[in-house]
Amino acid sequence: MRAIGTAFRNLIAITLLGGIASAIAAAYAKGRMLSTGAPADDEVDLVAIYTGLDFQSTAPALRTATVTAWYGGTTLDLRGATLDPAGATLNVRAIFGGARLVIPEAWPIELRTLAFAGGVGDVRDSANVDHSLPTLTITGFAVFGGVGILSDAPDLDREDEIGEPLFEPAATPA
């Protein structure tokens, strides 16, 4: 019984030290990893470390996108974008954070992701996928975080009392 208690305490200590090391690394990376790209760009790199970021793409031929959510959260709305005819790649990294990917229901996607103490889920209706369209390949990982793939986001479509959209497309990320 004593061995189980010691093993449990060691596991807790290792987990705590790992969390502290991750938090320090994220604080260091926050000043060095910056978002690049504008809504109409075909290649974007979005970074949310200790913060939130909403980005609405209007790319005419989206080829690549990278989303990093590290102790933060990101919404990437691709409903206004068009995929490159050869397809596109979306690399998602969720570390103690989350990414919400709003992807048109008709787009075929191929998931190549890993999850550890987290998850990646596609809740779109697979019956509505049009396999004649280019494929969006989603790669990456979720570690103590999550990636949600959906086709609609009513909170992004709402308007305020005077008819202005509540969700504004992001300007060039800082």
Protein backbone atom coordinates (compact mmCIF):
# COMPACT_ATOMS: atom_id res chain seq x y z
CA MET A 1 0.00 0.00 0.00
CA ARG A 2 2.90 2.33 0.76
CA ALA A 3 4.29 1.79 -2.78
CA ILE A 4 0.96 2.83 -4.32
CA GLY A 5 0.93 6.03 -2.26
CA THR A 6 4.50 6.84 -3.27
CA ALA A 7 3.75 6.19 -6.95
CA PHE A 8 0.64 8.39 -6.75
CA ARG A 9 2.58 11.25 -5.11
CA ASN A 10 5.31 10.95 -7.77
CA LEU A 11 2.70 11.05 -10.54
CA ILE A 12 1.15 14.18 -9.05
CA ALA A 13 4.57 15.82 -8.70
CA ILE A 14 5.55 15.00 -12.31
CA THR A 15 2.20 16.30 -13.60
CA LEU A 16 2.54 19.51 -11.60
CA LEU A 17 6.12 20.08 -12.77
CA GLY A 18 5.09 19.39 -16.37
CA GLY A 19 2.28 21.94 -16.12
CA ILE A 20 4.61 24.55 -14.67
CA ALA A 21 7.21 23.89 -17.38
CA SER A 22 4.51 24.19 -20.06
CA ALA A 23 3.26 27.48 -18.61
CA ILE A 24 6.78 28.93 -18.56
CA ALA A 25 7.42 27.76 -22.13
CA ALA A 26 4.12 29.33 -23.26
CA ALA A 27 5.02 32.65 -21.61
CA TYR A 28 8.39 32.57 -23.41
CA ALA A 29 6.78 31.62 -26.75
CA LYS A 30 4.09 34.32 -26.50
CA GLY A 31 6.56 37.02 -27.43
CA ARG A 32 8.10 35.04 -30.26
CA MET A 33 5.19 33.29 -31.99
CA LEU A 34 3.05 35.83 -33.83
CA SER A 35 0.00 35.50 -36.03
CA THR A 36 0.47 36.28 -39.71
CA GLY A 37 -1.96 36.66 -42.58
CA ALA A 38 -5.11 38.60 -43.36
CA PRO A 39 -8.64 37.25 -43.94
CA ALA A 40 -8.16 37.22 -47.75
CA ASP A 41 -4.75 35.47 -47.62
CA ASP A 42 -4.41 31.90 -48.90
CA GLU A 43 -1.90 31.10 -46.13
CA VAL A 44 -2.36 32.13 -42.49
CA ASP A 45 -0.72 31.35 -39.17
CA LEU A 46 -2.87 32.02 -36.10
CA VAL A 47 -1.44 32.02 -32.59
CA ALA A 48 -3.41 32.34 -29.35
CA ILE A 49 -1.22 32.03 -26.27
CA TYR A 50 -2.87 33.08 -22.99
CA THR A 51 -5.56 34.83 -25.04
CA GLY A 52 -8.41 34.28 -27.45
CA LEU A 53 -8.48 34.85 -31.20
CA ASP A 54 -11.36 34.84 -33.69
CA PHE A 55 -10.48 34.77 -37.38
CA GLN A 56 -12.80 34.64 -40.37
CA SER A 57 -11.13 33.63 -43.63
CA THR A 58 -12.26 34.86 -47.04
CA ALA A 59 -9.36 33.25 -48.91
CA PRO A 60 -10.06 32.70 -52.62
CA ALA A 61 -7.80 29.61 -52.73
CA LEU A 62 -6.86 28.54 -49.19
CA ARG A 63 -3.74 26.35 -49.25
CA THR A 64 -2.38 26.22 -45.72
CA ALA A 65 -3.35 27.44 -42.29
CA THR A 66 -1.83 26.86 -38.90
CA VAL A 67 -3.69 27.33 -35.63
CA THR A 68 -1.91 27.26 -32.26
CA ALA A 69 -3.98 27.49 -29.08
CA TRP A 70 -1.71 27.28 -26.03
CA TYR A 71 -3.46 28.15 -22.78
CA GLY A 72 -5.85 30.04 -25.04
CA GLY A 73 -8.68 29.58 -27.50
CA THR A 74 -9.15 30.13 -31.21
CA THR A 75 -12.08 30.19 -33.60
CA LEU A 76 -11.22 29.77 -37.27
CA ASP A 77 -14.25 30.35 -39.50
CA LEU A 78 -13.71 29.00 -43.03
CA ARG A 79 -17.29 29.43 -44.27
CA GLY A 80 -16.29 32.45 -46.37
CA ALA A 81 -13.20 30.77 -47.84
CA THR A 82 -12.67 28.61 -50.91
CA LEU A 83 -10.20 25.74 -50.93
CA ASP A 84 -7.38 25.58 -53.44
CA PRO A 85 -8.36 23.13 -56.23
CA ALA A 86 -5.51 20.83 -55.08
CA GLY A 87 -6.86 20.86 -51.51
CA ALA A 88 -5.53 22.49 -48.38
CA THR A 89 -3.79 21.60 -45.14
CA LEU A 90 -4.78 22.89 -41.71
CA ASN A 91 -2.30 22.21 -38.91
CA VAL A 92 -3.88 22.56 -35.46
CA ARG A 93 -2.02 22.50 -32.14
CA ALA A 94 -4.06 22.71 -28.94
CA ILE A 95 -1.97 22.62 -25.77
CA PHE A 96 -3.99 23.25 -22.61
CA GLY A 97 -6.29 25.21 -24.92
CA GLY A 98 -8.91 24.78 -27.59
CA ALA A 99 -9.60 25.44 -31.24
CA ARG A 100 -13.03 25.69 -32.85
CA LEU A 101 -12.95 25.12 -36.60
CA VAL A 102 -16.07 26.22 -38.47
CA ILE A 103 -15.87 24.32 -41.76
CA PRO A 104 -18.57 24.14 -44.44
CA GLU A 105 -20.58 20.95 -44.14
CA ALA A 106 -19.95 19.95 -47.77
CA TRP A 107 -16.15 20.05 -47.50
CA PRO A 108 -14.52 16.63 -47.23
CA ILE A 109 -11.92 16.50 -44.48
CA GLU A 110 -9.21 14.01 -43.68
CA LEU A 111 -8.15 13.89 -40.02
CA ARG A 112 -4.51 13.09 -39.25
CA THR A 113 -4.42 14.15 -35.61
CA LEU A 114 -3.29 12.81 -32.26
CA ALA A 115 -4.79 13.51 -28.86
CA PHE A 116 -3.41 12.98 -25.38
CA ALA A 117 -5.73 13.78 -22.47
CA GLY A 118 -7.73 15.83 -24.95
CA GLY A 119 -9.71 15.27 -28.10
CA VAL A 120 -10.43 16.09 -31.71
CA GLY A 121 -14.01 15.77 -32.91
CA ASP A 122 -15.97 16.40 -36.10
CA VAL A 123 -19.68 16.94 -35.39
CA ARG A 124 -20.67 17.87 -38.95
CA ASP A 125 -23.26 15.71 -40.70
CA SER A 126 -21.21 13.30 -42.82
CA ALA A 127 -24.20 12.66 -45.11
CA ASN A 128 -23.82 16.19 -46.54
CA VAL A 129 -20.15 15.88 -47.55
CA ASP A 130 -19.53 16.41 -51.28
CA HIS A 131 -16.57 14.18 -52.19
CA SER A 132 -16.13 15.93 -55.55
CA LEU A 133 -14.80 19.01 -53.72
CA PRO A 134 -11.13 19.47 -52.76
CA THR A 135 -10.16 17.88 -49.44
CA LEU A 136 -9.11 19.77 -46.32
CA THR A 137 -6.46 17.72 -44.51
CA ILE A 138 -6.33 18.48 -40.80
CA THR A 139 -3.10 17.55 -39.04
CA GLY A 140 -1.82 18.28 -35.56
CA PHE A 141 -2.46 17.37 -31.97
CA ALA A 142 -4.38 18.14 -28.81
CA VAL A 143 -2.58 17.79 -25.48
CA PHE A 144 -4.81 18.52 -22.50
CA GLY A 145 -6.90 20.50 -24.98
CA GLY A 146 -9.45 20.06 -27.70
CA VAL A 147 -10.29 20.71 -31.31
CA GLY A 148 -13.92 20.93 -32.35
CA ILE A 149 -14.97 20.80 -36.00
CA LEU A 150 -18.46 22.05 -36.81
CA SER A 151 -20.32 23.53 -39.76
CA ASP A 152 -22.32 26.26 -38.10
CA ALA A 153 -21.74 28.63 -35.24
CA PRO A 154 -24.87 30.60 -34.37
CA ASP A 155 -22.92 32.82 -31.97
CA LEU A 156 -20.81 34.07 -34.91
CA ASP A 157 -23.89 34.86 -37.01
CA ARG A 158 -25.82 36.89 -34.43
CA GLU A 159 -26.38 40.61 -34.75
CA ASP A 160 -26.67 43.18 -32.03
CA GLU A 161 -29.70 45.39 -31.43
CA ILE A 162 -28.88 47.74 -34.32
CA GLY A 163 -28.17 45.02 -36.89
CA GLU A 164 -24.36 45.01 -36.73
CA PRO A 165 -22.61 41.59 -36.69
CA LEU A 166 -21.27 40.63 -33.29
CA PHE A 167 -18.40 38.71 -34.90
CA GLU A 168 -16.12 40.95 -36.90
CA PRO A 169 -13.55 39.39 -39.22
CA ALA A 170 -10.15 39.94 -37.71
CA ALA A 171 -7.81 42.41 -39.29
CA THR A 172 -4.25 41.32 -39.77
CA PRO A 173 -3.50 39.54 -36.49
CA ALA A 174 -0.97 41.17 -34.23
